[in-house]
C-alpha atoms as a PDB file:
ATOM      1  CA  MET A   1      34.899  26.204  32.892  1.00  0.00           C
ATOM      2  CA  SER A   2      32.637  24.421  30.878  1.00  0.00           C
ATOM      3  CA  TYR A   3      34.100  25.810  27.610  1.00  0.00           C
ATOM      4  CA  LEU A   4      37.839  24.516  28.727  1.00  0.00           C
ATOM      5  CA  TYR A   5      35.993  21.075  29.803  1.00  0.00           C
ATOM      6  CA  LEU A   6      34.889  20.897  26.196  1.00  0.00           C
ATOM      7  CA  VAL A   7      38.371  21.950  24.782  1.00  0.00           C
ATOM      8  CA  ILE A   8      39.695  19.012  26.799  1.00  0.00           C
ATOM      9  CA  ALA A   9      37.186  16.497  25.991  1.00  0.00           C
ATOM     10  CA  ILE A  10      37.544  17.476  21.840  1.00  0.00           C
ATOM     11  CA  ILE A  11      41.168  17.786  21.963  1.00  0.00           C
ATOM     12  CA  SER A  12      41.427  13.950  23.597  1.00  0.00           C
ATOM     13  CA  GLU A  13      38.746  12.475  21.138  1.00  0.00           C
ATOM     14  CA  VAL A  14      40.731  13.364  18.674  1.00  0.00           C
ATOM     15  CA  LEU A  15      44.059  12.447  20.207  1.00  0.00           C
ATOM     16  CA  ALA A  16      41.938   9.089  20.656  1.00  0.00           C
ATOM     17  CA  THR A  17      40.627   8.993  17.121  1.00  0.00           C
ATOM     18  CA  SER A  18      43.730   9.682  15.349  1.00  0.00           C
ATOM     19  CA  ALA A  19      45.494   6.832  17.309  1.00  0.00           C
ATOM     20  CA  LEU A  20      42.729   4.365  16.421  1.00  0.00           C
ATOM     21  CA  ARG A  21      45.020   4.016  12.587  1.00  0.00           C
ATOM     22  CA  ALA A  22      48.368   3.364  14.333  1.00  0.00           C
ATOM     23  CA  SER A  23      46.466   0.649  16.880  1.00  0.00           C
ATOM     24  CA  GLU A  24      46.442  -1.485  13.683  1.00  0.00           C
ATOM     25  CA  GLU A  25      43.277  -2.933  15.605  1.00  0.00           C
ATOM     26  CA  PHE A  26      44.265  -2.997  18.498  1.00  0.00           C
ATOM     27  CA  SER A  27      47.385  -5.140  18.128  1.00  0.00           C
ATOM     28  CA  ARG A  28      49.817  -2.489  19.362  1.00  0.00           C
ATOM     29  CA  LEU A  29      49.714  -1.360  22.883  1.00  0.00           C
ATOM     30  CA  GLY A  30      51.029   1.987  22.861  1.00  0.00           C
ATOM     31  CA  PRO A  31      48.325   3.421  20.387  1.00  0.00           C
ATOM     32  CA  THR A  32      45.816   1.273  21.713  1.00  0.00           C
ATOM     33  CA  LEU A  33      46.537   2.682  25.269  1.00  0.00           C
ATOM     34  CA  VAL A  34      46.207   6.238  24.018  1.00  0.00           C
ATOM     35  CA  VAL A  35      42.810   5.330  22.465  1.00  0.00           C
ATOM     36  CA  ILE A  36      41.102   4.202  25.368  1.00  0.00           C
ATOM     37  CA  LEU A  37      42.752   6.676  27.920  1.00  0.00           C
ATOM     38  CA  GLY A  38      41.929   9.566  25.116  1.00  0.00           C
ATOM     39  CA  TYR A  39      38.516   8.443  24.845  1.00  0.00           C
ATOM     40  CA  GLY A  40      38.100   7.887  28.849  1.00  0.00           C
ATOM     41  CA  VAL A  41      39.403  11.620  29.356  1.00  0.00           C
ATOM     42  CA  SER A  42      37.352  13.038  26.469  1.00  0.00           C
ATOM     43  CA  PHE A  43      33.869  11.366  27.886  1.00  0.00           C
ATOM     44  CA  PHE A  44      34.634  12.411  31.668  1.00  0.00           C
ATOM     45  CA  PHE A  45      35.512  15.890  30.536  1.00  0.00           C
ATOM     46  CA  LEU A  46      32.352  15.738  28.231  1.00  0.00           C
ATOM     47  CA  THR A  47      30.117  15.007  31.421  1.00  0.00           C
ATOM     48  CA  LEU A  48      31.915  18.078  33.300  1.00  0.00           C
ATOM     49  CA  THR A  49      30.557  19.941  30.339  1.00  0.00           C
ATOM     50  CA  LEU A  50      27.134  18.789  30.471  1.00  0.00           C
ATOM     51  CA  ARG A  51      26.963  20.858  34.128  1.00  0.00           C
ATOM     52  CA  THR A  52      26.254  23.900  32.446  1.00  0.00           C
ATOM     53  CA  ILE A  53      25.840  23.264  28.405  1.00  0.00           C
ATOM     54  CA  PRO A  54      22.822  21.286  27.478  1.00  0.00           C
ATOM     55  CA  VAL A  55      23.363  17.829  26.462  1.00  0.00           C
ATOM     56  CA  GLY A  56      22.598  18.548  22.378  1.00  0.00           C
ATOM     57  CA  ILE A  57      24.722  21.484  22.161  1.00  0.00           C
ATOM     58  CA  ALA A  58      27.395  20.286  24.070  1.00  0.00           C
ATOM     59  CA  TYR A  59      27.549  17.200  21.727  1.00  0.00           C
ATOM     60  CA  ALA A  60      27.046  18.990  18.434  1.00  0.00           C
ATOM     61  CA  LEU A  61      29.901  21.185  19.453  1.00  0.00           C
ATOM     62  CA  TRP A  62      31.854  18.184  20.623  1.00  0.00           C
ATOM     63  CA  SER A  63      31.403  15.796  17.457  1.00  0.00           C
ATOM     64  CA  GLY A  64      31.139  18.522  14.836  1.00  0.00           C
ATOM     65  CA  ILE A  65      34.897  20.265  16.141  1.00  0.00           C
ATOM     66  CA  GLY A  66      36.010  17.101  16.168  1.00  0.00           C
ATOM     67  CA  ILE A  67      34.793  15.664  12.439  1.00  0.00           C
ATOM     68  CA  VAL A  68      36.259  19.138  11.337  1.00  0.00           C
ATOM     69  CA  LEU A  69      40.222  18.575  13.114  1.00  0.00           C
ATOM     70  CA  ILE A  70      40.055  15.058  12.215  1.00  0.00           C
ATOM     71  CA  CYS A  71      39.453  15.409   9.138  1.00  0.00           C
ATOM     72  CA  GLY A  72      42.344  18.180   8.690  1.00  0.00           C
ATOM     73  CA  ILE A  73      44.584  15.708  10.762  1.00  0.00           C
ATOM     74  CA  ALA A  74      43.911  12.945   7.860  1.00  0.00           C
ATOM     75  CA  TRP A  75      44.458  15.086   5.478  1.00  0.00           C
ATOM     76  CA  VAL A  76      47.967  16.265   6.704  1.00  0.00           C
ATOM     77  CA  LEU A  77      49.215  13.042   8.203  1.00  0.00           C
ATOM     78  CA  PHE A  78      47.536  10.084   6.226  1.00  0.00           C
ATOM     79  CA  LYS A  79      47.464  11.842   2.995  1.00  0.00           C
ATOM     80  CA  GLN A  80      43.577  11.268   3.022  1.00  0.00           C
ATOM     81  CA  SER A  81      42.530  13.142   0.056  1.00  0.00           C
ATOM     82  CA  LEU A  82      39.178  15.541  -0.001  1.00  0.00           C
ATOM     83  CA  ASP A  83      36.908  16.343  -2.842  1.00  0.00           C
ATOM     84  CA  ALA A  84      34.668  19.322  -3.426  1.00  0.00           C
ATOM     85  CA  PRO A  85      31.708  17.218  -1.608  1.00  0.00           C
ATOM     86  CA  ALA A  86      33.643  16.483   1.238  1.00  0.00           C
ATOM     87  CA  ILE A  87      35.022  20.401   1.412  1.00  0.00           C
ATOM     88  CA  LEU A  88      31.838  21.283   1.351  1.00  0.00           C
ATOM     89  CA  GLY A  89      29.965  19.082   3.962  1.00  0.00           C
ATOM     90  CA  ILE A  90      33.294  20.265   6.651  1.00  0.00           C
ATOM     91  CA  GLY A  91      32.450  23.896   5.399  1.00  0.00           C
ATOM     92  CA  LEU A  92      28.766  23.473   6.422  1.00  0.00           C
ATOM     93  CA  ILE A  93      29.639  21.459   9.826  1.00  0.00           C
ATOM     94  CA  ALA A  94      32.303  24.328  10.619  1.00  0.00           C
ATOM     95  CA  MET A  95      29.615  27.258   9.919  1.00  0.00           C
ATOM     96  CA  GLY A  96      27.105  25.406  11.911  1.00  0.00           C
ATOM     97  CA  ILE A  97      29.540  25.398  15.438  1.00  0.00           C
ATOM     98  CA  ILE A  98      29.804  29.385  14.649  1.00  0.00           C
ATOM     99  CA  ILE A  99      25.933  29.675  14.156  1.00  0.00           C
ATOM    100  CA  ILE A 100      25.040  27.883  17.271  1.00  0.00           C
ATOM    101  CA  ASN A 101      28.081  29.400  19.651  1.00  0.00           C
ATOM    102  CA  ALA A 102      26.864  33.379  17.890  1.00  0.00           C
ATOM    103  CA  PHE A 103      23.432  33.309  17.976  1.00  0.00           C
ATOM    104  CA  SER A 104      21.992  30.198  19.933  1.00  0.00           C
ATOM    105  CA  GLY A 105      20.796  31.236  23.275  1.00  0.00           C
ATOM    106  CA  SER A 106      20.898  27.529  24.252  1.00  0.00           C
ATOM    107  CA  VAL A 107      24.657  27.676  24.955  1.00  0.00           C
ATOM    108  CA  GLY A 108      24.741  28.796  28.080  1.00  0.00           C
ATOM    109  CA  HIS A 109      27.639  31.753  27.718  1.00  0.00           C
END
């Protein structure tokens, strides 16, 4: 169940972060509410994740997957370009996520 909570935390954080730009510095009500609600849901479900997954591992997965998803969304929706160093860095983050999940005994499968 912890991984379901973590997925919900990640998705809601990615939605909230994506809405930040649309909120236009919190001057637009709808996107601002998405930001506030999204981060609230994200942190709530992240705390539920911590029942069985250590905080360092949960945060690494939450932030790492979030970074990769946000970069993809920014590239597709906002037409933000990614140069070779950015792509390499994102790839290394993704590899770190894979290594943690595949090999770390700290994850608590």
